[in-house]
Amino acid sequence: MSASPPALAVEGIGKRFSGVTALDDVSLEFRSGEVLALMGENGAGKSTLLRVLSGDQGPDEGRLLLDGTEVAFDTPRAAMAAGVRVIYQEPEIIPHVSVAENVFVGELPAKARVFSRRTLTKATYDALAEYGFEGVLNPATLGAALSPAQRQLVEILRVLTAATPPKVIAFDEPTSSLSEHEVEALFRLIGRLRDSGVAVVYVSHRMKEIFQLADRVAVLRDGRLVGVQQAAETDEPSLVRMMIGRDLSALERRTTQDTGDVVLALTDVTTDDVTGISLQVRAGEVVCLAGLVGAGRSELARAIVGDLPIRSGNVELSGKRLRAHNPGDAVKAGIGFAPEERKTDALLMQRSVRDNVSIAVLDRLRRFRVVKRAKERALVEEYVRELRVRTPSMEQEVRKLSGGNQQKAVLARWLARRPKLLILDEPTRGVDVGAKAEIYRIIDGLAAEGIALLVISSDLPEVLTLADRILVMRAGRLAGELGREEATEEAVLTLAIPETEPAVDEAQEIGA
């Protein structure tokens, strides 16, 4: 008796954009009751393959087979109807309707063809409870008020509550915004899906997650399938070599580096989100802000750059009182800020790479209000080359770049500006291992040049790699400071977790 065909398969898939090959002769099987991890550097073709699977883009060559029968998904709706769903890292949410309506959009439950808000709300509560996310979302909350993690949870619920039971579910970097508690709930859910016979595709840069979840690992590089390995028969160095074509040596931070004068000084700063924060960052120093989700780290950064009001306290930049009423004032004073949400808060998605990189230095590129285009192009090309931003040209719309290359474009903007202080909020979120190492080297190089860096990160190994000093926040306050020599993951977590509460606060909302 022959084995059953895979739930979904792609054979010889090719896809090009403006002469750039995104996928080249990719053949891969997605089997029922299995988790296949899909790995590769940013720009390797993972997102393009997911778009082909979801019907968002059609292949230029090759074919798709569903249960052994050739199919053509000309729209996402056609893929959904066939039971193939993709949960993207940054899903589309309707801002002015409730969570419940977002979850059931297109499939609103009704009685006798009459819309019932009570039925809709109950169905959402039931779904949250059934899939292990009870208490973390209010069905009445408007989409515009959701955090990145909450938006992702809404998309997960959309898939699981769809009228057509899913045969194949692809998760694109699903844990990038989730708290520890929600990650555990998601992993339990993925286990349930696999046990029920669903084919799960899991895209992630996080090796620990890959080995925890995956049965097989497929690696793409430059649009081609490099190979497929049984997860139990490979290791992290082997996967890294497959992904980037070389061994990735660990970043070696400088062991001796003299820091300069104090660049940033906060004295008893209080906002609506943080209380009594006092800290300093010196020239040539990397200070990392660590803490649990909701500790107030991002809110503190936004207050420093004038995006949130400071109720009391004092902020000084290079010894002078800083009065930043908006981020533009902060930029003029010598502060650069790369926020966590690059698509909504940092990038002009419909504009070119050139526009996005040069926007912070236009005042240095123009004469009599006329921008010197040749000088602008030369400057952008320099930093795009330095950061290895993968783009067909400087005129490519930044929305068409991969997530990691979008992040590099944000960093290129501030490299061009050369601020006194650079604040980076989750600088490697959604970035592959090769690009992450490049960003680490860039941060180290900036510090060596005398720039003061304040880095916010939820990745403890990253914090320990980058930081000269670690400041740990808890519930809107500074809980303690750790020097490089004394810092360990255990020491950071001891300061971050309230002594009177469990290690994971199950009542905490995602992204609070």
Protein backbone atom coordinates (compact mmCIF):
# COMPACT_ATOMS: atom_id res chain seq x y z
CA MET A 1 0.00 0.00 0.00
CA SER A 2 1.51 3.34 -1.07
CA ALA A 3 2.02 6.14 1.40
CA SER A 4 -0.48 8.98 1.45
CA PRO A 5 0.57 12.11 -0.47
CA PRO A 6 1.67 15.15 1.53
CA ALA A 7 -1.02 17.63 2.55
CA LEU A 8 0.65 20.20 0.30
CA ALA A 9 3.67 20.12 -1.98
CA VAL A 10 5.45 22.56 -4.24
CA GLU A 11 7.38 21.35 -7.28
CA GLY A 12 9.89 23.43 -9.20
CA ILE A 13 8.54 26.76 -7.95
CA GLY A 14 10.16 29.84 -9.45
CA LYS A 15 9.36 33.50 -8.84
CA ARG A 16 11.01 36.72 -10.05
CA PHE A 17 10.44 40.41 -9.31
CA SER A 18 11.81 43.05 -11.67
CA GLY A 19 14.53 40.69 -12.85
CA VAL A 20 15.48 39.60 -9.31
CA THR A 21 15.06 35.89 -8.62
CA ALA A 22 13.19 35.35 -5.35
CA LEU A 23 12.60 31.59 -5.74
CA ASP A 24 14.50 29.24 -8.01
CA ASP A 25 13.28 25.66 -8.62
CA VAL A 26 12.03 25.03 -5.08
CA SER A 27 10.45 21.64 -4.38
CA LEU A 28 9.22 20.83 -0.88
CA GLU A 29 6.64 18.69 0.91
CA PHE A 30 4.44 19.76 3.82
CA ARG A 31 3.20 16.62 5.54
CA SER A 32 0.11 16.09 7.67
CA GLY A 33 0.81 15.75 11.39
CA GLU A 34 4.28 17.28 11.12
CA VAL A 35 5.99 20.59 11.90
CA LEU A 36 8.33 21.70 9.13
CA ALA A 37 10.59 24.59 10.11
CA LEU A 38 11.47 26.94 7.25
CA MET A 39 14.73 28.81 7.79
CA GLY A 40 16.98 31.16 5.89
CA GLU A 41 18.46 34.64 6.00
CA ASN A 42 16.27 37.65 5.32
CA GLY A 43 15.82 37.78 1.56
CA ALA A 44 16.35 34.02 1.18
CA GLY A 45 12.82 33.56 -0.23
CA LYS A 46 10.84 32.42 2.82
CA SER A 47 8.24 35.19 2.65
CA THR A 48 7.84 34.78 -1.10
CA LEU A 49 7.23 31.05 -0.68
CA LEU A 50 4.59 31.75 1.97
CA ARG A 51 2.87 34.21 -0.37
CA VAL A 52 2.80 31.54 -3.08
CA LEU A 53 1.29 29.04 -0.64
CA SER A 54 -1.34 31.57 0.49
CA GLY A 55 -2.42 32.56 -3.04
CA ASP A 56 -1.18 36.10 -2.55
CA GLN A 57 1.28 35.66 -5.42
CA GLY A 58 1.32 33.15 -8.24
CA PRO A 59 4.50 31.30 -9.21
CA ASP A 60 6.20 32.01 -12.52
CA GLU A 61 7.14 28.34 -12.84
CA GLY A 62 6.24 25.11 -11.10
CA ARG A 63 3.07 23.80 -9.51
CA LEU A 64 1.29 23.23 -6.21
CA LEU A 65 -0.22 19.86 -5.22
CA LEU A 66 -2.93 19.58 -2.54
CA ASP A 67 -3.38 15.99 -1.35
CA GLY A 68 -1.62 14.91 -4.54
CA THR A 69 -3.86 16.90 -6.89
CA GLU A 70 -2.54 19.95 -8.75
CA VAL A 71 -4.15 23.20 -7.66
CA ALA A 72 -3.80 26.88 -8.50
CA PHE A 73 -4.49 29.45 -5.79
CA ASP A 74 -5.15 32.65 -7.72
CA THR A 75 -6.31 34.51 -4.59
CA PRO A 76 -5.85 34.16 -0.81
CA ARG A 77 -9.56 33.32 -0.58
CA ALA A 78 -9.01 30.30 -2.86
CA ALA A 79 -6.19 29.06 -0.61
CA MET A 80 -8.33 29.57 2.51
CA ALA A 81 -11.20 27.65 0.95
CA ALA A 82 -8.79 24.76 0.34
CA GLY A 83 -7.64 24.85 3.98
CA VAL A 84 -4.25 26.55 3.46
CA ARG A 85 -3.68 29.51 5.78
CA VAL A 86 -0.67 31.73 6.51
CA ILE A 87 -0.36 33.71 9.76
CA TYR A 88 1.95 36.59 8.95
CA GLN A 89 4.28 38.28 11.43
CA GLU A 90 2.50 41.62 11.00
CA PRO A 91 -1.13 40.83 10.09
CA GLU A 92 -3.67 43.22 8.66
CA ILE A 93 -6.11 44.38 11.31
CA ILE A 94 -9.22 46.50 10.71
CA PRO A 95 -8.56 49.43 13.07
CA HIS A 96 -12.06 50.75 13.77
CA VAL A 97 -13.89 47.51 14.59
CA SER A 98 -13.64 45.28 17.64
CA VAL A 99 -11.41 42.29 18.28
CA ALA A 100 -14.43 40.01 17.93
CA GLU A 101 -15.30 41.45 14.51
CA ASN A 102 -11.66 41.21 13.42
CA VAL A 103 -11.52 37.54 14.43
CA PHE A 104 -14.64 36.60 12.50
CA VAL A 105 -14.28 39.04 9.60
CA GLY A 106 -15.90 37.47 6.54
CA GLU A 107 -17.47 34.72 8.65
CA LEU A 108 -19.56 36.63 11.18
CA PRO A 109 -21.86 34.29 13.14
CA ALA A 110 -25.52 35.18 12.90
CA LYS A 111 -28.89 33.80 13.91
CA ALA A 112 -31.54 33.66 11.21
CA ARG A 113 -29.29 35.89 9.03
CA VAL A 114 -29.37 38.62 11.67
CA PHE A 115 -26.04 39.81 13.05
CA SER A 116 -25.74 39.06 16.77
CA ARG A 117 -23.03 40.95 18.65
CA ARG A 118 -23.68 38.83 21.75
CA THR A 119 -23.12 35.65 19.75
CA LEU A 120 -19.97 37.12 18.26
CA THR A 121 -18.54 38.11 21.65
CA LYS A 122 -19.32 34.71 23.16
CA ALA A 123 -17.71 32.93 20.21
CA THR A 124 -14.55 34.99 20.70
CA TYR A 125 -14.41 34.26 24.44
CA ASP A 126 -14.94 30.56 23.69
CA ALA A 127 -12.12 30.54 21.14
CA LEU A 128 -9.73 32.27 23.53
CA ALA A 129 -10.50 29.70 26.21
CA GLU A 130 -10.31 26.71 23.87
CA TYR A 131 -6.89 27.62 22.48
CA GLY A 132 -5.23 28.62 25.74
CA PHE A 133 -5.36 32.41 25.53
CA GLU A 134 -8.16 33.09 27.97
CA GLY A 135 -7.97 36.47 29.68
CA VAL A 136 -5.40 38.09 27.38
CA LEU A 137 -7.77 39.83 24.94
CA ASN A 138 -10.97 41.78 25.36
CA PRO A 139 -13.34 41.06 22.44
CA ALA A 140 -14.65 44.63 22.63
CA THR A 141 -11.24 46.31 22.17
CA LEU A 142 -10.85 48.18 18.89
CA GLY A 143 -8.24 46.92 16.44
CA ALA A 144 -6.43 50.28 16.50
CA ALA A 145 -5.68 49.84 20.22
CA LEU A 146 -4.00 46.44 19.90
CA SER A 147 -0.30 45.83 20.50
CA PRO A 148 1.75 43.92 17.90
CA ALA A 149 1.38 40.71 19.91
CA GLN A 150 -2.35 41.14 20.27
CA ARG A 151 -2.73 41.71 16.53
CA GLN A 152 -0.90 38.48 15.89
CA LEU A 153 -3.15 36.63 18.32
CA VAL A 154 -6.22 37.95 16.48
CA GLU A 155 -4.83 36.53 13.23
CA ILE A 156 -4.21 33.15 14.88
CA LEU A 157 -7.82 33.06 16.10
CA ARG A 158 -9.05 33.98 12.60
CA VAL A 159 -7.41 30.88 11.21
CA LEU A 160 -8.53 28.53 13.96
CA THR A 161 -12.16 29.68 13.88
CA ALA A 162 -12.51 29.61 10.09
CA ALA A 163 -15.44 27.68 8.63
CA THR A 164 -13.03 25.55 6.57
CA PRO A 165 -10.85 23.40 8.87
CA PRO A 166 -7.17 24.10 8.13
CA LYS A 167 -5.08 21.41 6.44
CA VAL A 168 -1.93 23.51 6.34
CA ILE A 169 -1.06 26.40 8.68
CA ALA A 170 2.09 28.46 8.24
CA PHE A 171 3.34 30.65 11.11
CA ASP A 172 5.66 33.50 10.11
CA GLU A 173 7.86 34.51 13.09
CA PRO A 174 4.91 34.02 15.48
CA THR A 175 6.79 34.61 18.75
CA SER A 176 8.54 37.86 17.81
CA SER A 177 6.12 39.93 19.92
CA LEU A 178 4.74 37.40 22.41
CA SER A 179 5.47 37.28 26.12
CA GLU A 180 6.84 34.09 27.68
CA HIS A 181 3.41 32.95 28.80
CA GLU A 182 1.87 33.40 25.34
CA VAL A 183 4.81 31.61 23.70
CA GLU A 184 4.14 28.58 25.89
CA ALA A 185 0.44 28.68 24.99
CA LEU A 186 1.30 28.94 21.28
CA PHE A 187 3.66 25.96 21.47
CA ARG A 188 0.95 23.88 23.14
CA LEU A 189 -1.44 24.93 20.38
CA ILE A 190 1.03 23.94 17.65
CA GLY A 191 1.42 20.56 19.34
CA ARG A 192 -2.38 20.11 19.27
CA LEU A 193 -2.52 21.05 15.60
CA ARG A 194 0.20 18.56 14.72
CA ASP A 195 -1.47 15.81 16.74
CA SER A 196 -4.77 16.48 14.95
CA GLY A 197 -3.14 15.94 11.56
CA VAL A 198 -2.55 19.52 10.43
CA ALA A 199 0.60 20.24 8.44
CA VAL A 200 2.40 23.06 10.27
CA VAL A 201 4.99 25.33 8.62
CA TYR A 202 7.02 27.26 11.17
CA VAL A 203 9.20 30.18 10.06
CA SER A 204 11.59 31.48 12.71
CA HIS A 205 15.16 32.66 13.24
CA ARG A 206 15.17 31.36 16.81
CA MET A 207 17.14 28.12 16.94
CA LYS A 208 15.84 27.13 20.37
CA GLU A 209 12.27 27.19 19.07
CA ILE A 210 13.18 25.24 15.96
CA PHE A 211 14.67 22.35 17.92
CA GLN A 212 11.81 22.44 20.41
CA LEU A 213 9.04 22.23 17.80
CA ALA A 214 10.21 20.97 14.43
CA ASP A 215 10.24 17.47 13.00
CA ARG A 216 12.09 18.56 9.85
CA VAL A 217 14.00 21.72 8.92
CA ALA A 218 14.14 23.13 5.38
CA VAL A 219 16.71 25.83 4.59
CA LEU A 220 16.50 28.40 1.79
CA ARG A 221 19.43 30.49 0.59
CA ASP A 222 19.26 33.05 -2.21
CA GLY A 223 15.92 31.66 -3.35
CA ARG A 224 17.06 28.05 -3.62
CA LEU A 225 16.37 25.09 -1.35
CA VAL A 226 19.73 24.19 0.20
CA GLY A 227 18.47 21.08 1.94
CA VAL A 228 16.04 19.43 4.34
CA GLN A 229 17.20 17.85 7.61
CA GLN A 230 15.54 15.84 10.35
CA ALA A 231 15.60 18.18 13.35
CA ALA A 232 16.80 15.39 15.63
CA GLU A 233 19.77 14.70 13.33
CA THR A 234 21.21 18.21 12.95
CA ASP A 235 22.48 21.02 15.18
CA GLU A 236 22.69 24.80 15.25
CA PRO A 237 26.15 25.20 13.62
CA SER A 238 25.08 22.93 10.74
CA LEU A 239 21.90 24.92 10.11
CA VAL A 240 23.82 28.22 10.25
CA ARG A 241 26.28 26.92 7.64
CA MET A 242 23.36 25.93 5.41
CA MET A 243 21.71 29.33 5.86
CA ILE A 244 24.68 31.62 5.21
CA GLY A 245 27.17 29.34 3.49
CA ARG A 246 29.85 29.76 6.15
CA ASP A 247 30.54 29.29 9.84
CA LEU A 248 29.31 32.16 11.96
CA SER A 249 31.84 33.04 14.61
CA ALA A 250 30.50 34.55 17.79
CA LEU A 251 30.81 38.29 18.16
CA GLU A 252 33.72 39.28 20.34
CA ARG A 253 33.01 42.54 22.15
CA ARG A 254 35.91 44.80 23.01
CA THR A 255 37.34 43.92 26.43
CA THR A 256 38.82 47.32 27.16
CA GLN A 257 37.25 50.51 25.93
CA ASP A 258 37.46 53.86 27.59
CA THR A 259 34.13 55.61 27.75
CA GLY A 260 33.84 59.34 27.42
CA ASP A 261 31.71 62.03 28.96
CA VAL A 262 28.10 61.51 29.95
CA VAL A 263 25.91 61.96 26.87
CA LEU A 264 22.48 61.10 28.29
CA ALA A 265 21.52 61.79 31.89
CA LEU A 266 18.05 61.19 33.32
CA THR A 267 17.25 62.44 36.80
CA ASP A 268 14.09 61.21 38.53
CA VAL A 269 12.10 61.08 35.27
CA THR A 270 8.43 60.26 35.70
CA THR A 271 5.84 59.77 32.95
CA ASP A 272 2.43 58.12 32.79
CA ASP A 273 4.24 54.77 32.43
CA VAL A 274 7.49 55.02 34.45
CA THR A 275 8.41 56.47 37.83
CA GLY A 276 11.59 58.03 39.17
CA ILE A 277 14.02 56.88 36.48
CA SER A 278 17.62 58.05 36.87
CA LEU A 279 20.32 56.75 34.56
CA GLN A 280 23.38 57.76 32.53
CA VAL A 281 24.83 56.66 29.20
CA ARG A 282 28.38 57.71 28.31
CA ALA A 283 30.01 58.22 24.94
CA GLY A 284 31.28 54.90 23.62
CA GLU A 285 29.06 52.89 25.96
CA VAL A 286 26.32 50.37 25.20
CA VAL A 287 23.69 50.36 27.93
CA CYS A 288 20.92 47.76 27.57
CA LEU A 289 17.46 48.10 29.09
CA ALA A 290 16.15 44.65 30.05
CA GLY A 291 12.88 43.60 31.66
CA LEU A 292 9.61 41.77 31.14
CA VAL A 293 6.91 42.83 28.70
CA GLY A 294 5.13 45.83 30.18
CA ALA A 295 8.07 46.99 32.31
CA GLY A 296 8.04 50.43 30.65
CA ARG A 297 11.23 50.22 28.57
CA SER A 298 9.76 51.33 25.23
CA GLU A 299 7.68 54.00 26.93
CA LEU A 300 10.81 55.45 28.56
CA ALA A 301 12.56 55.59 25.19
CA ARG A 302 9.59 57.36 23.59
CA ALA A 303 9.53 59.89 26.43
CA ILE A 304 13.24 60.66 25.96
CA VAL A 305 12.68 61.48 22.26
CA GLY A 306 9.60 63.59 22.92
CA ASP A 307 6.97 61.14 21.68
CA LEU A 308 5.40 60.80 25.16
CA PRO A 309 5.13 63.57 27.79
CA ILE A 310 7.47 63.73 30.78
CA ARG A 311 5.53 64.71 33.91
CA SER A 312 8.52 65.49 36.10
CA GLY A 313 12.26 65.06 36.28
CA ASN A 314 15.12 66.19 34.07
CA VAL A 315 16.71 64.96 30.82
CA GLU A 316 20.15 66.23 29.80
CA LEU A 317 22.02 65.64 26.57
CA SER A 318 25.76 66.36 26.73
CA GLY A 319 25.24 68.45 29.86
CA LYS A 320 22.41 70.61 28.49
CA ARG A 321 18.76 70.41 29.46
CA LEU A 322 16.82 68.61 26.71
CA ARG A 323 13.34 69.87 25.97
CA ALA A 324 12.11 67.61 23.19
CA HIS A 325 8.47 68.36 22.50
CA ASN A 326 8.47 65.93 19.60
CA PRO A 327 10.87 63.47 17.90
CA GLY A 328 11.96 66.18 15.46
CA ASP A 329 13.36 68.22 18.35
CA ALA A 330 15.26 65.14 19.55
CA VAL A 331 16.81 64.56 16.11
CA LYS A 332 17.97 68.20 15.94
CA ALA A 333 19.49 67.86 19.41
CA GLY A 334 21.53 64.81 18.34
CA ILE A 335 19.37 61.78 19.18
CA GLY A 336 18.52 58.93 16.82
CA PHE A 337 15.68 56.52 17.57
CA ALA A 338 14.85 53.22 15.89
CA PRO A 339 11.48 52.13 17.36
CA GLU A 340 10.30 48.56 17.76
CA GLU A 341 7.51 48.88 15.19
CA ARG A 342 9.54 49.73 12.10
CA LYS A 343 6.66 49.50 9.62
CA THR A 344 4.27 51.81 11.43
CA ASP A 345 6.64 54.07 13.38
CA ALA A 346 9.93 54.22 11.45
CA LEU A 347 9.53 53.59 7.72
CA LEU A 348 7.73 55.33 4.88
CA MET A 349 6.48 52.09 3.38
CA GLN A 350 5.40 53.53 0.01
CA ARG A 351 8.66 55.44 -0.50
CA SER A 352 12.00 54.26 -1.82
CA VAL A 353 15.00 52.96 0.06
CA ARG A 354 16.75 56.22 -0.89
CA ASP A 355 14.01 58.34 0.64
CA ASN A 356 13.91 56.28 3.84
CA VAL A 357 17.65 56.42 4.44
CA SER A 358 18.21 60.07 3.53
CA ILE A 359 15.21 61.56 5.33
CA ALA A 360 17.18 62.18 8.54
CA VAL A 361 19.99 64.05 6.75
CA LEU A 362 18.16 66.15 4.17
CA ASP A 363 19.20 69.29 6.02
CA ARG A 364 22.82 68.36 5.28
CA LEU A 365 22.16 67.48 1.63
CA ARG A 366 20.36 70.56 0.38
CA ARG A 367 21.29 74.05 -0.60
CA PHE A 368 18.67 76.76 -0.74
CA ARG A 369 16.03 74.08 -0.07
CA VAL A 370 17.14 72.05 -3.09
CA VAL A 371 18.44 68.54 -2.34
CA LYS A 372 21.65 67.63 -4.12
CA ARG A 373 20.53 64.33 -5.63
CA ALA A 374 23.97 63.07 -6.61
CA LYS A 375 25.26 63.61 -3.08
CA GLU A 376 22.13 61.97 -1.67
CA ARG A 377 22.51 58.88 -3.87
CA ALA A 378 26.19 58.54 -3.01
CA LEU A 379 25.48 58.76 0.72
CA VAL A 380 22.62 56.23 0.61
CA GLU A 381 24.62 53.81 -1.52
CA GLU A 382 27.49 54.00 0.98
CA TYR A 383 25.38 52.96 3.96
CA VAL A 384 23.25 50.45 2.06
CA ARG A 385 26.48 48.79 0.97
CA GLU A 386 27.96 48.95 4.49
CA LEU A 387 24.89 47.28 6.00
CA ARG A 388 24.44 44.85 3.08
CA VAL A 389 20.84 45.86 2.49
CA ARG A 390 19.50 43.53 -0.17
CA THR A 391 17.61 45.66 -2.68
CA PRO A 392 17.50 45.70 -6.50
CA SER A 393 18.08 49.47 -6.43
CA MET A 394 17.95 52.54 -4.26
CA GLU A 395 14.56 53.32 -5.84
CA GLN A 396 12.93 50.09 -4.65
CA GLU A 397 9.91 50.71 -2.39
CA VAL A 398 10.96 49.78 1.13
CA ARG A 399 7.72 47.82 1.66
CA LYS A 400 9.01 45.26 -0.86
CA LEU A 401 12.09 44.46 1.21
CA SER A 402 12.22 41.61 3.70
CA GLY A 403 11.77 42.45 7.38
CA GLY A 404 15.48 42.22 8.11
CA ASN A 405 16.41 44.49 5.24
CA GLN A 406 13.78 46.99 6.33
CA GLN A 407 15.44 47.06 9.75
CA LYS A 408 18.82 47.60 8.11
CA ALA A 409 17.35 50.56 6.20
CA VAL A 410 16.31 52.11 9.52
CA LEU A 411 19.82 51.61 10.90
CA ALA A 412 21.34 53.05 7.72
CA ARG A 413 19.31 56.21 8.30
CA TRP A 414 20.92 56.75 11.70
CA LEU A 415 24.38 55.70 10.57
CA ALA A 416 24.11 58.50 8.02
CA ARG A 417 22.98 60.98 10.70
CA ARG A 418 25.73 60.07 13.21
CA PRO A 419 23.84 61.14 16.34
CA LYS A 420 25.39 61.69 19.76
CA LEU A 421 22.93 59.17 21.23
CA LEU A 422 21.28 56.29 19.39
CA ILE A 423 18.31 54.52 20.99
CA LEU A 424 17.51 51.11 19.49
CA ASP A 425 14.28 49.35 20.51
CA GLU A 426 14.44 45.61 19.70
CA PRO A 427 17.00 46.18 16.90
CA THR A 428 17.15 42.54 15.78
CA ARG A 429 13.48 41.60 16.02
CA GLY A 430 12.67 39.35 13.05
CA VAL A 431 16.28 39.41 11.80
CA ASP A 432 18.16 36.27 10.78
CA VAL A 433 21.34 35.04 12.42
CA GLY A 434 23.68 36.40 9.77
CA ALA A 435 22.11 39.87 9.77
CA LYS A 436 21.96 39.81 13.58
CA ALA A 437 25.72 39.32 13.79
CA GLU A 438 26.19 42.19 11.31
CA ILE A 439 24.00 44.47 13.43
CA TYR A 440 25.96 43.51 16.55
CA ARG A 441 29.19 44.49 14.80
CA ILE A 442 27.63 47.77 13.69
CA ILE A 443 26.54 48.58 17.25
CA ASP A 444 30.00 47.72 18.52
CA GLY A 445 31.58 49.88 15.84
CA LEU A 446 29.37 52.84 16.67
CA ALA A 447 30.33 52.58 20.32
CA ALA A 448 34.00 52.43 19.36
CA GLU A 449 33.49 55.70 17.45
CA GLY A 450 32.17 57.35 20.61
CA ILE A 451 28.43 57.22 20.04
CA ALA A 452 26.36 56.52 23.15
CA LEU A 453 23.90 53.66 22.67
CA LEU A 454 20.79 52.79 24.67
CA VAL A 455 19.51 49.39 23.50
CA ILE A 456 16.18 47.84 24.48
CA SER A 457 16.00 44.09 23.97
CA SER A 458 13.91 41.17 25.19
CA ASP A 459 16.53 38.70 23.96
CA LEU A 460 18.67 37.91 27.01
CA PRO A 461 21.61 36.38 25.08
CA GLU A 462 21.60 39.55 22.96
CA VAL A 463 21.62 41.76 26.04
CA LEU A 464 24.55 39.82 27.51
CA THR A 465 26.43 40.02 24.20
CA LEU A 466 26.00 43.74 23.61
CA ALA A 467 25.89 45.47 26.97
CA ASP A 468 28.63 47.23 28.87
CA ARG A 469 26.00 47.78 31.56
CA ILE A 470 22.50 46.34 31.96
CA LEU A 471 19.70 48.33 33.57
CA VAL A 472 16.75 46.13 34.52
CA MET A 473 13.27 47.63 34.66
CA ARG A 474 10.32 46.21 36.57
CA ALA A 475 6.81 47.65 36.69
CA GLY A 476 7.87 51.08 35.47
CA ARG A 477 10.87 51.45 37.80
CA LEU A 478 14.55 50.62 37.70
CA ALA A 479 15.04 47.40 39.64
CA GLY A 480 18.82 47.27 39.47
CA GLU A 481 22.03 47.53 37.47
CA LEU A 482 24.48 44.83 36.39
CA GLY A 483 28.00 45.28 35.08
CA ARG A 484 29.29 43.20 32.19
CA GLU A 485 31.32 40.88 34.41
CA GLU A 486 28.50 40.05 36.83
CA ALA A 487 25.66 39.79 34.31
CA THR A 488 24.01 36.41 33.71
CA GLU A 489 20.56 35.44 32.50
CA GLU A 490 19.66 34.37 36.02
CA ALA A 491 20.82 37.67 37.49
CA VAL A 492 18.78 39.68 34.97
CA LEU A 493 15.64 37.60 35.54
CA THR A 494 16.02 37.85 39.32
CA LEU A 495 15.81 41.63 39.03
CA ALA A 496 13.08 41.60 36.36
CA ILE A 497 10.62 39.28 38.10
CA PRO A 498 8.70 40.66 41.12
CA GLU A 499 9.54 38.73 44.28
CA THR A 500 5.89 38.40 45.28
CA GLU A 501 4.67 37.10 41.92
CA PRO A 502 5.27 33.90 39.94
CA ALA A 503 7.96 33.83 37.27
CA VAL A 504 5.31 34.28 34.58
CA ASP A 505 2.37 36.55 35.38
CA GLU A 506 -0.53 34.73 33.77
CA ALA A 507 -2.81 37.71 34.18
CA GLN A 508 -0.51 39.98 32.22
CA GLU A 509 -1.91 40.97 28.85
CA ILE A 510 0.16 40.44 25.75
CA GLY A 511 2.23 43.45 24.86
CA ALA A 512 0.96 45.44 27.84
